[in-house]
Amino acid sequence: MYNGSNPVGLALDESSGDVRIYGVMPTSTGDWSTTQIVSLRSTDGGQSFQEVIIAQGNANRMVEYPSITTDSNGNIFIVWLRRAYNGTSSGNADVYISKSTDGGDSYSAPLRVNSNDCESFNWEPHIVVGQSDKLHVVWICHNSAEIYFAKSIDSGDSFLAAQLIADGSDYSLGNPRVTA
């Protein structure tokens, strides 16, 4: 499996009384059309992991840059980029989310998070859970270096309109991260 420069994310869930370890990673066999976002779950302290495919690339799109978190109810949330791909170059990328309400056995259909019209492509999404289990997602518009933020107040079923939080005048801001 190929991970390249994509991060591997980890999240812990102690809501059930057991410590569960969840991971997320992008994989590929070297061809962009084979990219996948894979959820990993361990219920034995990391001795073994089960895999569930969350998102699948194909000849027209690739998936990459996942981020993962859990809420106080044990729900798992994964965001990632889905980027158009025509075989030789990539195009616009949007931020998507899926959630699991059953401990990682299954995940919801992907929901688009971003509502911004980035002239290039959105990049490097990051997700955290804040007070009252509100979801917070940040990402960067690659060419303009604008940083956007979106919030869900209904456990990821929908997101409020994306807000511009940094205008891109300082390109050195790099990859955005958010903490609760």
N, C-alpha and C. Protein backbone atom coordinates (compact mmCIF):
# COMPACT_ATOMS: atom_id res chain seq x y z
N MET A 1 0.85 -1.19 0.00
CA MET A 1 0.00 0.00 0.00
C MET A 1 0.88 1.24 0.00
N TYR A 2 0.43 2.27 -0.67
CA TYR A 2 1.16 3.52 -0.75
C TYR A 2 0.48 4.57 0.10
N ASN A 3 1.26 5.25 0.92
CA ASN A 3 0.71 6.32 1.73
C ASN A 3 1.25 7.67 1.27
N GLY A 4 2.43 7.72 0.69
CA GLY A 4 3.00 8.96 0.19
C GLY A 4 3.10 10.00 1.27
N SER A 5 2.73 11.24 0.96
CA SER A 5 2.82 12.32 1.93
C SER A 5 1.52 12.51 2.70
N ASN A 6 0.52 11.69 2.44
CA ASN A 6 -0.76 11.81 3.13
C ASN A 6 -0.60 11.38 4.58
N PRO A 7 -1.25 12.07 5.49
CA PRO A 7 -1.15 11.71 6.90
C PRO A 7 -2.01 10.49 7.25
N VAL A 8 -1.60 9.81 8.28
CA VAL A 8 -2.41 8.75 8.87
C VAL A 8 -2.98 9.32 10.16
N GLY A 9 -4.30 9.26 10.35
CA GLY A 9 -4.93 9.85 11.53
C GLY A 9 -5.34 8.79 12.53
N LEU A 10 -5.35 9.17 13.81
CA LEU A 10 -5.79 8.28 14.88
C LEU A 10 -6.78 9.00 15.77
N ALA A 11 -7.73 8.26 16.33
CA ALA A 11 -8.68 8.79 17.30
C ALA A 11 -8.97 7.71 18.32
N LEU A 12 -9.20 8.11 19.56
CA LEU A 12 -9.54 7.19 20.63
C LEU A 12 -10.99 7.40 21.05
N ASP A 13 -11.66 6.33 21.42
CA ASP A 13 -13.04 6.40 21.90
C ASP A 13 -13.12 5.62 23.20
N GLU A 14 -13.47 6.31 24.26
CA GLU A 14 -13.62 5.66 25.56
C GLU A 14 -15.07 5.69 26.04
N SER A 15 -16.00 6.06 25.15
CA SER A 15 -17.40 6.24 25.55
C SER A 15 -18.07 4.93 25.96
N SER A 16 -17.62 3.81 25.41
CA SER A 16 -18.27 2.53 25.72
C SER A 16 -17.67 1.85 26.94
N GLY A 17 -16.67 2.46 27.54
CA GLY A 17 -15.98 1.83 28.67
C GLY A 17 -14.74 1.09 28.23
N ASP A 18 -14.68 0.72 26.95
CA ASP A 18 -13.49 0.09 26.37
C ASP A 18 -12.75 1.15 25.57
N VAL A 19 -11.45 1.04 25.55
CA VAL A 19 -10.67 1.94 24.70
C VAL A 19 -10.65 1.35 23.30
N ARG A 20 -11.17 2.09 22.36
CA ARG A 20 -11.14 1.69 20.96
C ARG A 20 -10.22 2.65 20.21
N ILE A 21 -9.42 2.10 19.35
CA ILE A 21 -8.51 2.91 18.54
C ILE A 21 -9.04 2.90 17.11
N TYR A 22 -9.22 4.09 16.55
CA TYR A 22 -9.66 4.22 15.16
C TYR A 22 -8.57 4.92 14.39
N GLY A 23 -8.33 4.46 13.22
CA GLY A 23 -7.35 5.09 12.35
C GLY A 23 -7.96 5.33 11.00
N VAL A 24 -7.32 6.19 10.24
CA VAL A 24 -7.74 6.43 8.87
C VAL A 24 -6.48 6.69 8.06
N MET A 25 -6.44 6.12 6.87
CA MET A 25 -5.27 6.34 6.03
C MET A 25 -5.68 6.23 4.57
N PRO A 26 -4.95 6.95 3.73
CA PRO A 26 -5.15 6.79 2.29
C PRO A 26 -4.26 5.65 1.81
N THR A 27 -4.72 4.91 0.84
CA THR A 27 -3.91 3.85 0.26
C THR A 27 -3.98 3.92 -1.26
N SER A 28 -3.00 3.37 -1.92
CA SER A 28 -2.97 3.31 -3.37
C SER A 28 -1.93 2.29 -3.78
N THR A 29 -2.10 1.75 -4.96
CA THR A 29 -1.08 0.87 -5.51
C THR A 29 -0.15 1.64 -6.44
N GLY A 30 -0.20 2.96 -6.38
CA GLY A 30 0.65 3.80 -7.21
C GLY A 30 -0.10 4.51 -8.31
N ASP A 31 -1.27 4.05 -8.65
CA ASP A 31 -2.11 4.66 -9.66
C ASP A 31 -3.18 5.49 -8.95
N TRP A 32 -3.30 6.76 -9.29
CA TRP A 32 -4.24 7.63 -8.57
C TRP A 32 -5.65 7.08 -8.58
N SER A 33 -6.02 6.36 -9.63
CA SER A 33 -7.40 5.86 -9.70
C SER A 33 -7.66 4.75 -8.69
N THR A 34 -6.62 4.24 -8.02
CA THR A 34 -6.81 3.17 -7.03
C THR A 34 -6.81 3.71 -5.60
N THR A 35 -6.85 5.02 -5.43
CA THR A 35 -6.81 5.58 -4.07
C THR A 35 -8.05 5.19 -3.29
N GLN A 36 -7.85 5.01 -1.99
CA GLN A 36 -8.95 4.68 -1.08
C GLN A 36 -8.71 5.41 0.23
N ILE A 37 -9.79 5.71 0.94
CA ILE A 37 -9.70 6.12 2.33
C ILE A 37 -10.17 4.92 3.13
N VAL A 38 -9.30 4.42 4.00
CA VAL A 38 -9.57 3.20 4.75
C VAL A 38 -9.65 3.53 6.23
N SER A 39 -10.73 3.09 6.88
CA SER A 39 -10.88 3.23 8.31
C SER A 39 -10.33 1.96 8.96
N LEU A 40 -9.59 2.15 10.04
CA LEU A 40 -9.03 1.04 10.81
C LEU A 40 -9.65 1.05 12.19
N ARG A 41 -9.98 -0.13 12.73
CA ARG A 41 -10.60 -0.19 14.05
C ARG A 41 -9.94 -1.30 14.86
N SER A 42 -9.56 -0.96 16.09
CA SER A 42 -9.03 -1.96 17.00
C SER A 42 -9.84 -1.93 18.28
N THR A 43 -10.31 -3.08 18.72
CA THR A 43 -11.03 -3.18 19.99
C THR A 43 -10.21 -3.95 21.02
N ASP A 44 -8.94 -4.24 20.67
CA ASP A 44 -8.06 -4.99 21.58
C ASP A 44 -6.76 -4.25 21.87
N GLY A 45 -6.87 -2.91 21.96
CA GLY A 45 -5.70 -2.11 22.33
C GLY A 45 -4.63 -2.02 21.26
N GLY A 46 -4.99 -2.27 20.00
CA GLY A 46 -4.05 -2.13 18.91
C GLY A 46 -3.35 -3.42 18.51
N GLN A 47 -3.75 -4.54 19.09
CA GLN A 47 -3.15 -5.83 18.73
C GLN A 47 -3.54 -6.25 17.30
N SER A 48 -4.76 -5.90 16.91
CA SER A 48 -5.21 -6.21 15.56
C SER A 48 -6.16 -5.10 15.10
N PHE A 49 -6.33 -4.99 13.79
CA PHE A 49 -7.18 -3.95 13.21
C PHE A 49 -8.07 -4.55 12.12
N GLN A 50 -9.30 -4.04 12.05
CA GLN A 50 -10.19 -4.37 10.96
C GLN A 50 -10.25 -3.16 10.05
N GLU A 51 -10.36 -3.39 8.73
CA GLU A 51 -10.41 -2.31 7.76
C GLU A 51 -11.81 -2.19 7.16
N VAL A 52 -12.24 -0.93 6.94
CA VAL A 52 -13.47 -0.64 6.22
C VAL A 52 -13.14 0.45 5.22
N ILE A 53 -13.46 0.25 3.95
CA ILE A 53 -13.21 1.26 2.93
C ILE A 53 -14.30 2.33 3.03
N ILE A 54 -13.87 3.58 3.19
CA ILE A 54 -14.79 4.71 3.33
C ILE A 54 -15.07 5.36 1.99
N ALA A 55 -14.02 5.58 1.22
CA ALA A 55 -14.14 6.26 -0.07
C ALA A 55 -13.21 5.59 -1.06
N GLN A 56 -13.63 5.53 -2.30
CA GLN A 56 -12.89 4.83 -3.34
C GLN A 56 -12.65 5.77 -4.50
N GLY A 57 -11.41 5.85 -4.96
CA GLY A 57 -11.12 6.61 -6.17
C GLY A 57 -11.51 5.78 -7.39
N ASN A 58 -11.51 6.43 -8.54
CA ASN A 58 -11.73 5.72 -9.79
C ASN A 58 -11.01 6.49 -10.89
N ALA A 59 -11.28 6.17 -12.14
CA ALA A 59 -10.56 6.81 -13.25
C ALA A 59 -10.83 8.31 -13.32
N ASN A 60 -11.90 8.80 -12.68
CA ASN A 60 -12.26 10.22 -12.77
C ASN A 60 -12.04 11.00 -11.49
N ARG A 61 -11.64 10.34 -10.41
CA ARG A 61 -11.42 11.07 -9.17
C ARG A 61 -10.47 10.29 -8.27
N MET A 62 -9.81 11.04 -7.40
CA MET A 62 -8.96 10.42 -6.39
C MET A 62 -9.39 10.93 -5.03
N VAL A 63 -9.06 10.19 -4.00
CA VAL A 63 -9.40 10.58 -2.64
C VAL A 63 -8.12 10.61 -1.82
N GLU A 64 -7.99 11.60 -0.92
CA GLU A 64 -6.75 11.77 -0.18
C GLU A 64 -6.94 12.69 1.02
N TYR A 65 -5.92 12.82 1.83
CA TYR A 65 -5.84 13.71 3.00
C TYR A 65 -6.97 13.53 4.00
N PRO A 66 -7.10 12.35 4.59
CA PRO A 66 -8.15 12.13 5.59
C PRO A 66 -7.78 12.69 6.96
N SER A 67 -8.81 13.00 7.73
CA SER A 67 -8.68 13.41 9.14
C SER A 67 -9.83 12.75 9.89
N ILE A 68 -9.61 12.37 11.14
CA ILE A 68 -10.59 11.58 11.88
C ILE A 68 -10.76 12.13 13.29
N THR A 69 -11.98 11.99 13.84
CA THR A 69 -12.26 12.35 15.23
C THR A 69 -13.46 11.54 15.70
N THR A 70 -13.69 11.53 17.01
CA THR A 70 -14.87 10.87 17.60
C THR A 70 -15.57 11.87 18.52
N ASP A 71 -16.87 11.65 18.74
CA ASP A 71 -17.59 12.50 19.68
C ASP A 71 -17.87 11.74 20.98
N SER A 72 -18.56 12.38 21.92
CA SER A 72 -18.80 11.78 23.23
C SER A 72 -19.78 10.60 23.18
N ASN A 73 -20.49 10.43 22.07
CA ASN A 73 -21.42 9.32 21.91
C ASN A 73 -20.79 8.13 21.20
N GLY A 74 -19.52 8.23 20.87
CA GLY A 74 -18.83 7.14 20.18
C GLY A 74 -18.97 7.18 18.67
N ASN A 75 -19.56 8.23 18.12
CA ASN A 75 -19.64 8.37 16.66
C ASN A 75 -18.26 8.71 16.11
N ILE A 76 -17.96 8.21 14.94
CA ILE A 76 -16.68 8.45 14.28
C ILE A 76 -16.94 9.32 13.07
N PHE A 77 -16.09 10.32 12.86
CA PHE A 77 -16.22 11.25 11.73
C PHE A 77 -14.90 11.28 10.97
N ILE A 78 -14.99 11.15 9.66
CA ILE A 78 -13.81 11.19 8.80
C ILE A 78 -14.07 12.20 7.69
N VAL A 79 -13.14 13.14 7.52
CA VAL A 79 -13.19 14.06 6.38
C VAL A 79 -12.01 13.74 5.47
N TRP A 80 -12.17 14.07 4.19
CA TRP A 80 -11.11 13.85 3.21
C TRP A 80 -11.39 14.71 1.99
N LEU A 81 -10.43 14.72 1.07
CA LEU A 81 -10.60 15.41 -0.21
C LEU A 81 -10.99 14.41 -1.28
N ARG A 82 -11.89 14.84 -2.14
CA ARG A 82 -12.20 14.08 -3.35
C ARG A 82 -11.88 15.01 -4.52
N ARG A 83 -10.90 14.59 -5.30
CA ARG A 83 -10.38 15.46 -6.35
C ARG A 83 -10.65 14.87 -7.73
N ALA A 84 -11.12 15.71 -8.64
CA ALA A 84 -11.33 15.27 -10.02
C ALA A 84 -9.98 14.90 -10.62
N TYR A 85 -9.98 13.89 -11.47
CA TYR A 85 -8.73 13.41 -12.06
C TYR A 85 -9.04 12.88 -13.45
N ASN A 86 -8.25 13.33 -14.44
CA ASN A 86 -8.52 12.89 -15.82
C ASN A 86 -7.45 11.95 -16.36
N GLY A 87 -6.61 11.40 -15.50
CA GLY A 87 -5.59 10.46 -15.94
C GLY A 87 -4.21 11.07 -16.08
N THR A 88 -4.16 12.39 -16.30
CA THR A 88 -2.86 13.04 -16.43
C THR A 88 -2.68 14.20 -15.46
N SER A 89 -3.76 14.81 -15.05
CA SER A 89 -3.67 15.91 -14.09
C SER A 89 -4.92 15.94 -13.25
N SER A 90 -4.80 16.63 -12.12
CA SER A 90 -5.95 16.69 -11.22
C SER A 90 -6.64 18.04 -11.32
N GLY A 91 -7.89 18.07 -10.90
CA GLY A 91 -8.67 19.28 -10.97
C GLY A 91 -9.18 19.70 -9.61
N ASN A 92 -10.37 20.28 -9.60
CA ASN A 92 -10.95 20.78 -8.36
C ASN A 92 -11.10 19.67 -7.32
N ALA A 93 -10.91 20.05 -6.07
CA ALA A 93 -11.06 19.10 -4.97
C ALA A 93 -12.05 19.67 -3.96
N ASP A 94 -12.90 18.82 -3.46
CA ASP A 94 -13.89 19.21 -2.46
C ASP A 94 -13.69 18.39 -1.20
N VAL A 95 -14.15 18.94 -0.07
CA VAL A 95 -14.03 18.29 1.23
C VAL A 95 -15.31 17.51 1.49
N TYR A 96 -15.16 16.23 1.85
CA TYR A 96 -16.29 15.35 2.13
C TYR A 96 -16.17 14.78 3.54
N ILE A 97 -17.31 14.37 4.09
CA ILE A 97 -17.36 13.74 5.41
C ILE A 97 -18.24 12.49 5.35
N SER A 98 -17.86 11.48 6.12
CA SER A 98 -18.71 10.32 6.39
C SER A 98 -18.66 10.08 7.89
N LYS A 99 -19.73 9.49 8.43
CA LYS A 99 -19.73 9.19 9.86
C LYS A 99 -20.20 7.77 10.09
N SER A 100 -19.75 7.23 11.20
CA SER A 100 -20.18 5.91 11.64
C SER A 100 -20.86 6.06 12.99
N THR A 101 -22.02 5.48 13.12
CA THR A 101 -22.75 5.49 14.40
C THR A 101 -22.77 4.10 15.03
N ASP A 102 -22.04 3.15 14.41
CA ASP A 102 -22.04 1.78 14.91
C ASP A 102 -20.63 1.25 15.20
N GLY A 103 -19.77 2.14 15.67
CA GLY A 103 -18.43 1.71 16.05
C GLY A 103 -17.49 1.41 14.90
N GLY A 104 -17.80 1.90 13.72
CA GLY A 104 -16.93 1.70 12.57
C GLY A 104 -17.30 0.53 11.70
N ASP A 105 -18.44 -0.12 11.96
CA ASP A 105 -18.87 -1.22 11.09
C ASP A 105 -19.29 -0.72 9.72
N SER A 106 -19.93 0.45 9.68
CA SER A 106 -20.38 1.04 8.42
C SER A 106 -20.29 2.56 8.53
N TYR A 107 -20.34 3.22 7.39
CA TYR A 107 -20.23 4.67 7.33
C TYR A 107 -21.32 5.24 6.42
N SER A 108 -21.72 6.47 6.70
CA SER A 108 -22.74 7.14 5.91
C SER A 108 -22.22 7.46 4.51
N ALA A 109 -23.16 7.74 3.62
CA ALA A 109 -22.79 8.22 2.29
C ALA A 109 -22.02 9.53 2.45
N PRO A 110 -21.05 9.80 1.60
CA PRO A 110 -20.28 11.04 1.70
C PRO A 110 -21.16 12.28 1.54
N LEU A 111 -20.88 13.30 2.34
CA LEU A 111 -21.56 14.58 2.28
C LEU A 111 -20.50 15.65 2.01
N ARG A 112 -20.77 16.52 1.04
CA ARG A 112 -19.83 17.61 0.75
C ARG A 112 -19.91 18.65 1.86
N VAL A 113 -18.74 19.03 2.40
CA VAL A 113 -18.67 20.00 3.49
C VAL A 113 -18.49 21.41 2.96
N ASN A 114 -17.59 21.61 2.02
CA ASN A 114 -17.28 22.96 1.57
C ASN A 114 -18.35 23.53 0.67
N SER A 115 -18.59 24.82 0.85
CA SER A 115 -19.52 25.54 -0.02
C SER A 115 -18.80 26.67 -0.74
N ASN A 116 -17.48 26.76 -0.52
CA ASN A 116 -16.72 27.82 -1.18
C ASN A 116 -16.39 27.41 -2.61
N ASP A 117 -16.20 28.40 -3.47
CA ASP A 117 -15.81 28.16 -4.85
C ASP A 117 -14.33 28.50 -4.98
N CYS A 118 -13.50 27.57 -4.62
CA CYS A 118 -12.06 27.75 -4.69
C CYS A 118 -11.64 27.70 -6.16
N GLU A 119 -10.88 28.68 -6.62
CA GLU A 119 -10.48 28.72 -8.03
C GLU A 119 -9.55 27.57 -8.39
N SER A 120 -8.85 27.04 -7.43
CA SER A 120 -7.93 25.94 -7.68
C SER A 120 -8.52 24.68 -7.08
N PHE A 121 -8.11 24.32 -5.88
CA PHE A 121 -8.69 23.19 -5.19
C PHE A 121 -8.52 23.36 -3.69
N ASN A 122 -9.48 22.84 -2.95
CA ASN A 122 -9.42 22.84 -1.50
C ASN A 122 -8.39 21.79 -1.10
N TRP A 123 -7.80 21.96 0.09
CA TRP A 123 -6.65 21.15 0.44
C TRP A 123 -6.58 20.92 1.94
N GLU A 124 -6.07 19.79 2.38
CA GLU A 124 -5.71 19.49 3.75
C GLU A 124 -6.82 19.77 4.78
N PRO A 125 -7.96 19.10 4.67
CA PRO A 125 -9.00 19.31 5.68
C PRO A 125 -8.60 18.72 7.03
N HIS A 126 -9.13 19.31 8.08
CA HIS A 126 -8.88 18.83 9.44
C HIS A 126 -10.18 18.95 10.22
N ILE A 127 -10.51 17.95 11.05
CA ILE A 127 -11.77 17.94 11.79
C ILE A 127 -11.52 17.71 13.27
N VAL A 128 -12.31 18.39 14.11
CA VAL A 128 -12.33 18.14 15.55
C VAL A 128 -13.77 18.25 16.04
N VAL A 129 -14.01 17.70 17.23
CA VAL A 129 -15.29 17.83 17.90
C VAL A 129 -15.12 18.84 19.03
N GLY A 130 -16.03 19.81 19.09
CA GLY A 130 -15.97 20.83 20.13
C GLY A 130 -17.06 20.64 21.18
N GLN A 131 -17.38 21.72 21.87
CA GLN A 131 -18.41 21.69 22.91
C GLN A 131 -19.74 21.20 22.34
N SER A 132 -20.47 20.47 23.14
CA SER A 132 -21.78 19.94 22.75
C SER A 132 -21.71 19.10 21.47
N ASP A 133 -20.57 18.48 21.25
CA ASP A 133 -20.35 17.61 20.09
C ASP A 133 -20.53 18.31 18.74
N LYS A 134 -20.29 19.60 18.69
CA LYS A 134 -20.31 20.31 17.40
C LYS A 134 -19.04 19.95 16.63
N LEU A 135 -19.17 19.75 15.32
CA LEU A 135 -18.04 19.43 14.47
C LEU A 135 -17.47 20.69 13.86
N HIS A 136 -16.15 20.78 13.83
CA HIS A 136 -15.45 21.92 13.25
C HIS A 136 -14.46 21.41 12.20
N VAL A 137 -14.55 21.93 10.98
CA VAL A 137 -13.67 21.52 9.89
C VAL A 137 -12.99 22.76 9.32
N VAL A 138 -11.68 22.67 9.10
CA VAL A 138 -10.94 23.74 8.43
C VAL A 138 -10.22 23.15 7.23
N TRP A 139 -9.94 23.99 6.23
CA TRP A 139 -9.17 23.58 5.06
C TRP A 139 -8.64 24.83 4.38
N ILE A 140 -7.76 24.63 3.43
CA ILE A 140 -7.13 25.74 2.73
C ILE A 140 -7.50 25.65 1.25
N CYS A 141 -7.72 26.81 0.64
CA CYS A 141 -7.87 26.91 -0.81
C CYS A 141 -6.46 27.06 -1.36
N HIS A 142 -5.98 26.07 -2.08
CA HIS A 142 -4.56 25.93 -2.39
C HIS A 142 -3.92 27.15 -3.06
N ASN A 143 -4.43 27.63 -4.19
CA ASN A 143 -3.75 28.72 -4.91
C ASN A 143 -3.83 30.06 -4.20
N SER A 144 -4.95 30.35 -3.56
CA SER A 144 -5.12 31.65 -2.92
C SER A 144 -4.65 31.67 -1.48
N ALA A 145 -4.43 30.50 -0.90
CA ALA A 145 -4.03 30.34 0.52
C ALA A 145 -5.10 30.84 1.48
N GLU A 146 -6.34 30.96 1.00
CA GLU A 146 -7.43 31.33 1.90
C GLU A 146 -7.78 30.13 2.76
N ILE A 147 -8.06 30.38 4.04
CA ILE A 147 -8.42 29.30 4.96
C ILE A 147 -9.91 29.43 5.28
N TYR A 148 -10.61 28.30 5.16
CA TYR A 148 -12.04 28.26 5.39
C TYR A 148 -12.38 27.39 6.59
N PHE A 149 -13.56 27.65 7.16
CA PHE A 149 -14.05 26.94 8.34
C PHE A 149 -15.53 26.63 8.13
N ALA A 150 -15.94 25.42 8.50
CA ALA A 150 -17.37 25.07 8.48
C ALA A 150 -17.71 24.33 9.76
N LYS A 151 -18.94 24.51 10.22
CA LYS A 151 -19.38 23.90 11.48
C LYS A 151 -20.68 23.14 11.25
N SER A 152 -20.78 22.00 11.95
CA SER A 152 -22.02 21.23 11.97
C SER A 152 -22.55 21.21 13.40
N ILE A 153 -23.82 21.52 13.55
CA ILE A 153 -24.45 21.48 14.87
C ILE A 153 -25.40 20.30 15.00
N ASP A 154 -25.42 19.43 13.96
CA ASP A 154 -26.33 18.28 13.97
C ASP A 154 -25.59 16.96 13.70
N SER A 155 -24.43 16.82 14.30
CA SER A 155 -23.66 15.58 14.23
C SER A 155 -23.25 15.21 12.80
N GLY A 156 -22.95 16.21 11.99
CA GLY A 156 -22.45 15.96 10.65
C GLY A 156 -23.50 15.68 9.60
N ASP A 157 -24.78 15.85 9.94
CA ASP A 157 -25.83 15.65 8.93
C ASP A 157 -25.88 16.79 7.93
N SER A 158 -25.44 17.97 8.35
CA SER A 158 -25.35 19.14 7.47
C SER A 158 -24.30 20.08 8.04
N PHE A 159 -23.88 21.05 7.24
CA PHE A 159 -22.90 22.03 7.67
C PHE A 159 -23.39 23.43 7.34
N LEU A 160 -23.12 24.36 8.24
CA LEU A 160 -23.39 25.76 7.97
C LEU A 160 -22.47 26.21 6.84
N ALA A 161 -22.83 27.29 6.17
CA ALA A 161 -22.01 27.78 5.05
C ALA A 161 -20.57 28.02 5.50
N ALA A 162 -19.64 27.67 4.65
CA ALA A 162 -18.22 27.87 4.94
C ALA A 162 -17.93 29.34 5.13
N GLN A 163 -17.06 29.63 6.10
CA GLN A 163 -16.65 31.01 6.38
C GLN A 163 -15.17 31.16 6.07
N LEU A 164 -14.82 32.25 5.42
CA LEU A 164 -13.43 32.60 5.17
C LEU A 164 -12.85 33.12 6.48
N ILE A 165 -11.79 32.50 7.01
CA ILE A 165 -11.22 32.95 8.28
C ILE A 165 -9.81 33.51 8.14
N ALA A 166 -9.17 33.31 6.99
CA ALA A 166 -7.87 33.94 6.71
C ALA A 166 -7.85 34.23 5.22
N ASP A 167 -7.54 35.46 4.86
CA ASP A 167 -7.71 35.92 3.48
C ASP A 167 -6.61 35.49 2.52
N GLY A 168 -5.60 34.81 2.96
CA GLY A 168 -4.56 34.35 2.05
C GLY A 168 -3.44 35.32 1.83
N SER A 169 -3.46 36.45 2.53
CA SER A 169 -2.39 37.43 2.34
C SER A 169 -1.06 36.93 2.90
N ASP A 170 -1.10 35.94 3.77
CA ASP A 170 0.11 35.35 4.32
C ASP A 170 0.16 33.87 3.95
N TYR A 171 0.75 33.57 2.80
CA TYR A 171 0.78 32.20 2.30
C TYR A 171 1.55 31.26 3.22
N SER A 172 2.33 31.80 4.12
CA SER A 172 3.13 30.96 5.02
C SER A 172 2.29 30.32 6.12
N LEU A 173 0.98 30.62 6.17
CA LEU A 173 0.13 30.01 7.19
C LEU A 173 0.12 28.50 7.08
N GLY A 174 0.30 27.97 5.89
CA GLY A 174 0.44 26.52 5.71
C GLY A 174 -0.85 25.76 5.93
N ASN A 175 -0.72 24.54 6.39
CA ASN A 175 -1.85 23.65 6.54
C ASN A 175 -2.62 23.96 7.82
N PRO A 176 -3.89 24.30 7.69
CA PRO A 176 -4.66 24.69 8.87
C PRO A 176 -5.00 23.51 9.78
N ARG A 177 -5.04 23.76 11.06
CA ARG A 177 -5.48 22.79 12.06
C ARG A 177 -6.39 23.53 13.03
N VAL A 178 -7.28 22.80 13.66
CA VAL A 178 -8.20 23.40 14.61
C VAL A 178 -8.22 22.53 15.86
N THR A 179 -8.37 23.16 17.01
CA THR A 179 -8.50 22.41 18.26
C THR A 179 -9.78 22.80 18.94
N ALA A 180 -10.30 21.91 19.73
CA ALA A 180 -11.57 22.18 20.41
C ALA A 180 -11.33 22.86 21.74
